[in-house]
C-alpha cells in the first residue's frame, strides 16, 4: 500500500490522535499503536510491543489477517470490525468456493490487547464510508 493510502487517512483522525497524546487513567502515556502491515502487526500486539493496530483505509485480505488474528486471540487480545463487533476466528473457509470468495474480501478492523482498549479506540475515531 502506498504511504498516502495508509498514513493520510490516519492524519484525518484528529480525535484519535488527541486521545493518543493524553495520559491513561494510571498516569502512563498512551499511543503505542502499530503501523505494521499484515499479521505481524497483530503479533506485535500479542507480544506486547504495541497496544493496538487500526486498519481502516484499504482493509486486510483474509490471508493477511487470519494468522495474526489467531495468535492475538490466543494471547488474550481482540479484533473488532469498525462497528465494534468481534471478528470470529472461523473465517468460513469450508469449501474451495469459500476460499475463492475470501480472496476478494478485505476487512477493516481495530485489533487491541483488550476489549476495553479496542472500544475506546473506536469511540475516538471518526469513521466515514
N, C-alpha and C. Protein backbone atom coordinates (compact mmCIF):
# COMPACT_ATOMS: atom_id res chain seq x y z
N UNK A 1 0.84 -1.16 0.00
CA UNK A 1 0.00 0.00 0.00
C UNK A 1 0.90 1.24 0.00
N UNK A 2 0.52 2.22 -0.76
CA UNK A 2 1.27 3.47 -0.82
C UNK A 2 1.14 4.21 0.51
N UNK A 3 2.21 4.92 0.91
CA UNK A 3 2.13 5.66 2.17
C UNK A 3 0.94 6.62 2.23
N UNK A 4 0.61 7.24 1.11
CA UNK A 4 -0.53 8.17 1.13
C UNK A 4 -1.84 7.44 1.41
N UNK A 5 -1.96 6.18 0.98
CA UNK A 5 -3.17 5.41 1.25
C UNK A 5 -3.25 4.96 2.70
N UNK A 6 -2.12 4.83 3.34
CA UNK A 6 -2.08 4.34 4.72
C UNK A 6 -2.07 5.48 5.73
N UNK A 7 -1.20 6.46 5.54
CA UNK A 7 -0.99 7.47 6.57
C UNK A 7 -1.88 8.69 6.45
N UNK A 8 -2.25 9.10 5.26
CA UNK A 8 -3.12 10.27 5.13
C UNK A 8 -4.47 10.07 5.81
N UNK A 9 -5.12 8.91 5.64
CA UNK A 9 -6.37 8.71 6.38
C UNK A 9 -6.17 8.80 7.90
N UNK A 10 -5.02 8.36 8.39
CA UNK A 10 -4.76 8.44 9.83
C UNK A 10 -4.66 9.89 10.28
N UNK A 11 -4.09 10.76 9.47
CA UNK A 11 -3.95 12.16 9.87
C UNK A 11 -5.31 12.84 10.01
N UNK A 12 -6.32 12.29 9.39
CA UNK A 12 -7.66 12.85 9.49
C UNK A 12 -8.38 12.42 10.77
N UNK A 13 -7.78 11.53 11.51
CA UNK A 13 -8.36 11.03 12.76
C UNK A 13 -7.92 11.91 13.93
N UNK A 14 -8.32 13.18 13.89
CA UNK A 14 -7.86 14.13 14.90
C UNK A 14 -8.29 13.75 16.32
N UNK A 15 -9.50 13.24 16.49
CA UNK A 15 -9.94 12.82 17.82
C UNK A 15 -9.09 11.69 18.36
N UNK A 16 -8.77 10.74 17.51
CA UNK A 16 -7.94 9.62 17.93
C UNK A 16 -6.54 10.10 18.27
N UNK A 17 -5.96 10.94 17.44
CA UNK A 17 -4.61 11.43 17.70
C UNK A 17 -4.58 12.24 18.99
N UNK A 18 -5.62 13.01 19.25
CA UNK A 18 -5.70 13.76 20.51
C UNK A 18 -5.73 12.80 21.71
N UNK A 19 -6.52 11.73 21.60
CA UNK A 19 -6.60 10.74 22.68
C UNK A 19 -5.25 10.07 22.92
N UNK A 20 -4.50 9.82 21.86
CA UNK A 20 -3.20 9.16 21.99
C UNK A 20 -2.20 10.02 22.76
N UNK A 21 -2.39 11.34 22.71
CA UNK A 21 -1.49 12.24 23.41
C UNK A 21 -1.78 12.41 24.89
N UNK A 22 -2.89 11.88 25.36
CA UNK A 22 -3.27 12.02 26.76
C UNK A 22 -2.73 10.87 27.60
N UNK A 23 -2.66 11.10 28.89
CA UNK A 23 -2.24 10.04 29.81
C UNK A 23 -3.40 9.10 30.08
N UNK A 24 -3.11 7.84 30.32
CA UNK A 24 -4.14 6.89 30.69
C UNK A 24 -4.53 7.13 32.15
N UNK A 25 -5.52 6.40 32.62
CA UNK A 25 -6.01 6.58 33.99
C UNK A 25 -4.93 6.30 35.04
N UNK A 26 -3.98 5.44 34.71
CA UNK A 26 -2.91 5.15 35.67
C UNK A 26 -1.71 6.07 35.50
N UNK A 27 -1.86 7.14 34.68
CA UNK A 27 -0.81 8.13 34.52
C UNK A 27 0.27 7.78 33.52
N UNK A 28 0.09 6.69 32.81
CA UNK A 28 1.08 6.25 31.83
C UNK A 28 0.72 6.87 30.48
N UNK A 29 1.74 7.23 29.72
CA UNK A 29 1.45 7.79 28.40
C UNK A 29 0.86 6.72 27.50
N UNK A 30 0.13 7.17 26.51
CA UNK A 30 -0.55 6.26 25.58
C UNK A 30 0.10 6.36 24.22
N UNK A 31 -0.47 5.65 23.29
CA UNK A 31 -0.11 5.87 21.91
C UNK A 31 0.74 4.82 21.24
N UNK A 32 0.86 3.66 21.82
CA UNK A 32 1.64 2.62 21.14
C UNK A 32 0.74 1.88 20.16
N UNK A 33 0.40 2.54 19.09
CA UNK A 33 -0.41 1.91 18.05
C UNK A 33 0.52 1.57 16.90
N UNK A 34 0.49 0.33 16.48
CA UNK A 34 1.39 -0.14 15.44
C UNK A 34 0.98 0.35 14.05
N UNK A 35 1.96 0.55 13.22
CA UNK A 35 1.73 0.88 11.82
C UNK A 35 2.34 -0.20 10.93
N UNK A 36 2.41 -1.40 11.48
CA UNK A 36 2.94 -2.53 10.73
C UNK A 36 1.93 -2.98 9.70
N UNK A 37 2.35 -3.87 8.85
CA UNK A 37 1.47 -4.36 7.81
C UNK A 37 1.32 -5.87 7.95
N UNK A 38 0.15 -6.36 7.66
CA UNK A 38 -0.12 -7.78 7.71
C UNK A 38 -0.19 -8.30 9.13
N UNK A 39 -0.16 -9.59 9.25
CA UNK A 39 -0.33 -10.25 10.55
C UNK A 39 0.75 -9.91 11.55
N UNK A 40 1.90 -9.44 11.08
CA UNK A 40 2.98 -9.12 12.02
C UNK A 40 2.53 -8.05 13.02
N UNK A 41 1.68 -7.12 12.59
CA UNK A 41 1.17 -6.10 13.50
C UNK A 41 0.35 -6.69 14.62
N UNK A 42 -0.47 -7.67 14.31
CA UNK A 42 -1.27 -8.33 15.33
C UNK A 42 -0.38 -9.14 16.27
N UNK A 43 0.67 -9.74 15.72
CA UNK A 43 1.63 -10.48 16.55
C UNK A 43 2.38 -9.53 17.48
N UNK A 44 2.65 -8.31 17.03
CA UNK A 44 3.31 -7.33 17.89
C UNK A 44 2.42 -6.97 19.09
N UNK A 45 1.12 -6.91 18.87
CA UNK A 45 0.20 -6.66 19.99
C UNK A 45 0.23 -7.85 20.94
N UNK A 46 0.16 -9.05 20.38
CA UNK A 46 0.18 -10.26 21.21
C UNK A 46 1.45 -10.33 22.06
N UNK A 47 2.56 -9.86 21.51
CA UNK A 47 3.84 -9.90 22.23
C UNK A 47 4.03 -8.71 23.16
N UNK A 48 3.15 -7.71 23.10
CA UNK A 48 3.27 -6.54 23.95
C UNK A 48 4.14 -5.44 23.39
N UNK A 49 4.53 -5.54 22.12
CA UNK A 49 5.35 -4.49 21.50
C UNK A 49 4.53 -3.25 21.17
N UNK A 50 3.26 -3.45 20.91
CA UNK A 50 2.34 -2.34 20.71
C UNK A 50 1.02 -2.72 21.37
N UNK A 51 0.17 -1.73 21.59
CA UNK A 51 -1.09 -1.96 22.28
C UNK A 51 -2.25 -2.21 21.34
N UNK A 52 -2.16 -1.65 20.15
CA UNK A 52 -3.29 -1.76 19.23
C UNK A 52 -2.83 -1.52 17.80
N UNK A 53 -3.71 -1.86 16.88
CA UNK A 53 -3.46 -1.66 15.46
C UNK A 53 -4.80 -1.34 14.81
N UNK A 54 -4.79 -0.42 13.88
CA UNK A 54 -6.01 0.00 13.20
C UNK A 54 -5.82 -0.18 11.70
N UNK A 55 -6.79 -0.74 11.06
CA UNK A 55 -6.80 -0.81 9.60
C UNK A 55 -8.16 -0.31 9.14
N UNK A 56 -8.20 0.92 8.63
CA UNK A 56 -9.46 1.49 8.18
C UNK A 56 -9.36 2.09 6.80
N UNK A 57 -8.20 1.99 6.15
CA UNK A 57 -8.04 2.57 4.82
C UNK A 57 -8.45 1.56 3.75
N UNK A 58 -7.67 0.53 3.57
CA UNK A 58 -7.90 -0.44 2.49
C UNK A 58 -8.51 -1.75 2.99
N UNK A 59 -8.15 -2.15 4.19
CA UNK A 59 -8.59 -3.43 4.72
C UNK A 59 -7.56 -4.52 4.45
N UNK A 60 -7.59 -5.54 5.28
CA UNK A 60 -6.68 -6.68 5.13
C UNK A 60 -7.40 -7.81 4.41
N UNK A 61 -6.68 -8.47 3.54
CA UNK A 61 -7.18 -9.71 2.94
C UNK A 61 -7.19 -10.78 4.04
N UNK A 62 -8.02 -11.78 3.86
CA UNK A 62 -8.15 -12.84 4.86
C UNK A 62 -6.80 -13.46 5.20
N UNK A 63 -5.98 -13.74 4.22
CA UNK A 63 -4.70 -14.40 4.47
C UNK A 63 -3.72 -13.47 5.21
N UNK A 64 -3.94 -12.16 5.18
CA UNK A 64 -3.12 -11.23 5.95
C UNK A 64 -3.60 -11.10 7.39
N UNK A 65 -4.89 -11.25 7.60
CA UNK A 65 -5.47 -11.06 8.92
C UNK A 65 -5.49 -12.34 9.75
N UNK A 66 -5.87 -13.45 9.17
CA UNK A 66 -6.15 -14.68 9.92
C UNK A 66 -4.99 -15.18 10.79
N UNK A 67 -3.76 -15.28 10.29
CA UNK A 67 -2.70 -15.84 11.16
C UNK A 67 -2.45 -15.00 12.41
N UNK A 68 -2.33 -13.69 12.24
CA UNK A 68 -2.10 -12.82 13.39
C UNK A 68 -3.30 -12.74 14.30
N UNK A 69 -4.49 -12.83 13.72
CA UNK A 69 -5.73 -12.81 14.49
C UNK A 69 -5.73 -14.00 15.45
N UNK A 70 -5.38 -15.15 14.95
CA UNK A 70 -5.34 -16.37 15.78
C UNK A 70 -4.36 -16.19 16.94
N UNK A 71 -3.17 -15.69 16.63
CA UNK A 71 -2.14 -15.52 17.67
C UNK A 71 -2.57 -14.48 18.69
N UNK A 72 -3.12 -13.37 18.22
CA UNK A 72 -3.57 -12.32 19.14
C UNK A 72 -4.68 -12.82 20.05
N UNK A 73 -5.64 -13.52 19.50
CA UNK A 73 -6.73 -14.02 20.34
C UNK A 73 -6.21 -15.02 21.37
N UNK A 74 -5.26 -15.86 20.97
CA UNK A 74 -4.67 -16.82 21.91
C UNK A 74 -3.95 -16.10 23.05
N UNK A 75 -3.44 -14.89 22.77
CA UNK A 75 -2.74 -14.11 23.79
C UNK A 75 -3.69 -13.24 24.61
N UNK A 76 -5.01 -13.30 24.32
CA UNK A 76 -5.99 -12.55 25.09
C UNK A 76 -6.45 -11.25 24.46
N UNK A 77 -5.98 -10.96 23.26
CA UNK A 77 -6.38 -9.74 22.56
C UNK A 77 -7.65 -9.94 21.76
N UNK A 78 -8.08 -8.86 21.12
CA UNK A 78 -9.33 -8.89 20.35
C UNK A 78 -9.15 -8.21 19.00
N UNK A 79 -10.00 -8.61 18.06
CA UNK A 79 -10.09 -7.97 16.76
C UNK A 79 -11.56 -7.66 16.53
N UNK A 80 -11.86 -6.37 16.35
CA UNK A 80 -13.24 -5.92 16.13
C UNK A 80 -13.36 -5.29 14.76
N UNK A 81 -14.52 -5.44 14.14
CA UNK A 81 -14.76 -4.68 12.92
C UNK A 81 -15.01 -3.23 13.32
N UNK A 82 -15.14 -2.35 12.36
CA UNK A 82 -15.28 -0.93 12.67
C UNK A 82 -16.63 -0.55 13.26
N UNK A 83 -17.54 -1.52 13.33
CA UNK A 83 -18.82 -1.30 14.01
C UNK A 83 -18.75 -1.81 15.46
N UNK A 84 -17.60 -2.33 15.86
CA UNK A 84 -17.41 -2.79 17.23
C UNK A 84 -17.77 -4.24 17.46
N UNK A 85 -18.04 -4.98 16.40
CA UNK A 85 -18.37 -6.41 16.54
C UNK A 85 -17.11 -7.25 16.45
N UNK A 86 -16.98 -8.26 17.31
CA UNK A 86 -15.82 -9.15 17.22
C UNK A 86 -15.80 -9.87 15.87
N UNK A 87 -14.62 -9.97 15.30
CA UNK A 87 -14.45 -10.75 14.08
C UNK A 87 -14.12 -12.17 14.53
N UNK A 88 -14.96 -13.14 14.16
CA UNK A 88 -14.71 -14.51 14.63
C UNK A 88 -13.50 -15.14 13.94
N UNK A 89 -12.88 -16.08 14.64
CA UNK A 89 -11.74 -16.79 14.06
C UNK A 89 -12.16 -17.75 12.95
N UNK A 90 -13.39 -18.19 12.97
CA UNK A 90 -13.87 -19.08 11.92
C UNK A 90 -14.20 -18.22 10.69
N UNK A 91 -13.32 -18.25 9.73
CA UNK A 91 -13.50 -17.44 8.53
C UNK A 91 -14.40 -18.11 7.51
N UNK A 92 -14.97 -19.26 7.85
CA UNK A 92 -15.92 -19.92 6.97
C UNK A 92 -15.29 -20.41 5.68
N UNK A 93 -14.11 -20.97 5.76
CA UNK A 93 -13.41 -21.43 4.57
C UNK A 93 -13.54 -22.95 4.43
N UNK A 94 -14.78 -23.43 4.39
CA UNK A 94 -15.03 -24.86 4.35
C UNK A 94 -14.93 -25.48 2.97
N UNK A 95 -15.06 -24.68 1.93
CA UNK A 95 -15.02 -25.22 0.56
C UNK A 95 -14.09 -24.38 -0.30
N UNK A 96 -13.75 -24.91 -1.45
CA UNK A 96 -12.91 -24.16 -2.40
C UNK A 96 -13.64 -22.88 -2.84
N UNK A 97 -14.96 -22.95 -2.98
CA UNK A 97 -15.71 -21.76 -3.35
C UNK A 97 -15.61 -20.69 -2.26
N UNK A 98 -15.67 -21.10 -1.00
CA UNK A 98 -15.49 -20.16 0.11
C UNK A 98 -14.12 -19.49 0.04
N UNK A 99 -13.11 -20.27 -0.26
CA UNK A 99 -11.75 -19.74 -0.36
C UNK A 99 -11.65 -18.76 -1.52
N UNK A 100 -12.24 -19.08 -2.66
CA UNK A 100 -12.23 -18.16 -3.81
C UNK A 100 -12.89 -16.83 -3.45
N UNK A 101 -14.02 -16.90 -2.76
CA UNK A 101 -14.72 -15.67 -2.36
C UNK A 101 -13.89 -14.85 -1.38
N UNK A 102 -13.19 -15.53 -0.48
CA UNK A 102 -12.37 -14.84 0.50
C UNK A 102 -11.21 -14.10 -0.13
N UNK A 103 -10.78 -14.55 -1.31
CA UNK A 103 -9.65 -13.91 -1.99
C UNK A 103 -9.96 -12.45 -2.35
N UNK A 104 -11.22 -12.11 -2.53
CA UNK A 104 -11.60 -10.76 -2.92
C UNK A 104 -12.11 -9.92 -1.76
N UNK A 105 -12.22 -10.49 -0.59
CA UNK A 105 -12.79 -9.80 0.56
C UNK A 105 -11.69 -9.17 1.42
N UNK A 106 -11.88 -7.93 1.81
CA UNK A 106 -10.94 -7.24 2.70
C UNK A 106 -11.68 -6.78 3.95
N UNK A 107 -10.99 -6.81 5.09
CA UNK A 107 -11.62 -6.42 6.36
C UNK A 107 -10.90 -5.22 6.96
N UNK A 108 -11.71 -4.28 7.42
CA UNK A 108 -11.20 -3.14 8.19
C UNK A 108 -11.46 -3.48 9.65
N UNK A 109 -10.54 -3.09 10.54
CA UNK A 109 -10.65 -3.55 11.92
C UNK A 109 -9.83 -2.71 12.88
N UNK A 110 -10.08 -2.93 14.15
CA UNK A 110 -9.24 -2.48 15.24
C UNK A 110 -8.83 -3.73 16.00
N UNK A 111 -7.55 -3.90 16.19
CA UNK A 111 -7.03 -5.01 16.99
C UNK A 111 -6.38 -4.39 18.22
N UNK A 112 -6.62 -4.98 19.37
CA UNK A 112 -6.07 -4.42 20.60
C UNK A 112 -5.78 -5.51 21.62
N UNK A 113 -4.99 -5.13 22.61
CA UNK A 113 -4.63 -6.08 23.66
C UNK A 113 -5.80 -6.39 24.59
N UNK A 114 -6.85 -5.55 24.56
CA UNK A 114 -8.02 -5.81 25.39
C UNK A 114 -9.27 -5.23 24.72
N UNK A 115 -10.42 -5.77 25.09
CA UNK A 115 -11.68 -5.28 24.55
C UNK A 115 -11.94 -3.82 24.95
N UNK A 116 -11.72 -3.44 26.21
CA UNK A 116 -11.96 -2.03 26.56
C UNK A 116 -11.10 -1.07 25.72
N UNK A 117 -9.85 -1.43 25.46
CA UNK A 117 -8.99 -0.57 24.66
C UNK A 117 -9.50 -0.48 23.23
N UNK A 118 -9.90 -1.60 22.65
CA UNK A 118 -10.43 -1.59 21.28
C UNK A 118 -11.67 -0.70 21.19
N UNK A 119 -12.55 -0.80 22.16
CA UNK A 119 -13.76 0.04 22.17
C UNK A 119 -13.42 1.51 22.36
N UNK A 120 -12.43 1.79 23.18
CA UNK A 120 -12.02 3.18 23.40
C UNK A 120 -11.46 3.78 22.10
N UNK A 121 -10.68 2.99 21.39
CA UNK A 121 -10.13 3.47 20.11
C UNK A 121 -11.25 3.74 19.13
N UNK A 122 -12.17 2.81 19.01
CA UNK A 122 -13.31 3.01 18.09
C UNK A 122 -14.11 4.25 18.45
N UNK A 123 -14.29 4.51 19.73
CA UNK A 123 -15.08 5.68 20.13
C UNK A 123 -14.36 6.98 19.81
N UNK A 124 -13.04 6.95 19.73
CA UNK A 124 -12.26 8.15 19.43
C UNK A 124 -12.12 8.39 17.93
N UNK A 125 -12.45 7.39 17.13
CA UNK A 125 -12.27 7.52 15.68
C UNK A 125 -13.47 8.19 15.01
N UNK A 126 -13.19 8.88 13.94
CA UNK A 126 -14.22 9.43 13.09
C UNK A 126 -14.28 8.52 11.87
N UNK A 127 -15.35 7.74 11.77
CA UNK A 127 -15.45 6.78 10.69
C UNK A 127 -16.37 7.30 9.60
N UNK A 128 -15.93 7.15 8.37
CA UNK A 128 -16.74 7.51 7.21
C UNK A 128 -16.79 6.32 6.28
N UNK A 129 -17.85 6.26 5.50
CA UNK A 129 -17.98 5.21 4.49
C UNK A 129 -17.77 3.89 5.05
